[in-house]
Protein backbone atom coordinates (compact mmCIF):
# COMPACT_ATOMS: atom_id res chain seq x y z
CA MET A 1 25.39 -23.31 38.60
CA ILE A 2 22.63 -22.19 35.87
CA SER A 3 19.74 -23.39 36.01
CA LEU A 4 16.83 -25.16 33.50
CA LYS A 5 14.71 -21.64 33.04
CA GLU A 6 18.23 -19.73 33.05
CA LYS A 7 19.80 -21.78 30.19
CA LYS A 8 16.31 -21.81 28.15
CA LEU A 9 15.44 -18.17 28.81
CA TYR A 10 19.21 -17.42 27.55
CA ARG A 11 18.20 -19.91 24.99
CA VAL A 12 15.69 -18.32 23.56
CA LEU A 13 17.86 -15.15 24.29
CA ARG A 14 20.06 -15.77 22.00
CA ASN A 15 17.51 -17.23 19.51
CA VAL A 16 16.76 -13.04 18.73
CA GLY A 17 20.87 -12.70 18.36
CA ILE A 18 21.54 -10.94 21.71
CA LYS A 19 25.21 -11.48 22.40
CA ARG A 20 26.52 -13.65 25.06
CA THR A 21 28.29 -10.67 26.28
CA PHE A 22 24.62 -8.19 26.29
CA ILE A 23 23.06 -10.75 28.09
CA LYS A 24 25.09 -11.01 30.81
CA LYS A 25 26.08 -7.59 31.40
CA ALA A 26 22.55 -6.46 31.37
CA ARG A 27 20.32 -5.28 33.28
CA SER A 28 17.29 -3.76 31.90
CA ILE A 29 15.47 -4.90 28.34
CA GLU A 30 16.57 -2.02 26.75
CA ASP A 31 21.22 -2.70 28.18
CA LEU A 32 19.62 -5.45 24.50
CA TYR A 33 19.63 -2.90 22.41
CA LEU A 34 16.11 -4.28 20.91
CA ASP A 35 14.36 -2.76 18.31
CA ASP A 36 10.15 -3.20 17.62
CA PHE A 37 10.90 -6.31 15.47
CA ASP A 38 13.39 -7.98 17.74
CA PHE A 39 11.34 -7.64 21.40
CA ARG A 40 8.17 -8.86 19.69
CA LEU A 41 10.62 -11.88 18.47
CA LEU A 42 11.55 -11.92 22.31
CA VAL A 43 8.01 -12.75 23.33
CA PHE A 44 7.35 -15.21 20.73
CA TYR A 45 10.20 -17.27 21.52
CA PHE A 46 9.44 -16.73 25.59
CA GLU A 47 5.92 -17.55 25.20
CA ASN A 48 6.46 -20.71 23.01
CA GLU A 49 9.72 -21.87 25.70
CA PHE A 50 8.23 -21.96 28.45
CA ASN A 51 4.79 -22.37 27.23
CA VAL A 52 2.77 -19.04 28.77
CA ARG A 53 0.53 -16.43 27.32
CA LEU A 54 1.86 -13.27 27.61
CA LYS A 55 -0.80 -10.42 28.07
CA LYS A 56 -0.33 -6.63 26.88
CA ASN A 57 -0.12 -5.85 30.78
CA ASP A 58 2.90 -8.66 31.69
CA ILE A 59 4.96 -7.66 28.60
CA LYS A 60 5.33 -3.82 29.61
CA ILE A 61 6.27 -5.04 33.45
CA LEU A 62 9.40 -7.64 31.48
CA THR A 63 11.35 -5.03 31.23
CA THR A 64 14.64 -6.16 33.67
CA LEU A 65 16.12 -9.82 33.05
CA PRO A 66 15.44 -10.40 36.01
CA ALA A 67 11.80 -9.62 35.87
CA PHE A 68 11.73 -12.49 33.46
CA TYR A 69 13.30 -14.71 35.39
CA GLN A 70 10.83 -13.87 38.83
CA TYR A 71 8.14 -14.03 36.11
CA VAL A 72 8.93 -17.63 34.73
CA GLY A 73 9.80 -18.98 38.38
CA ARG A 74 5.67 -18.48 38.53
C-alpha cells in the first residue's frame, strides 16, 4: 500500500512529465533523465506539494528517490 507522502511524490514527479514506469524503475534522480530545467521544476513542485523550502545543500543530497522519501519523512 502506498502512503500519502508517496502518492504526493508520485504526483510531483508526474507533474514534471516523468512516466510512471521510469518512476518505478529509478534508483536515482539520474535514472529519471531530468535536464536542469526539469530538475528545477521538480524542486518547485516538491516545495509546493510538501510545504518545505529546500536549501542548496538539501538539493545536493536529494539524488535518489529514497533520499526524497527520507527528506519528506522528517
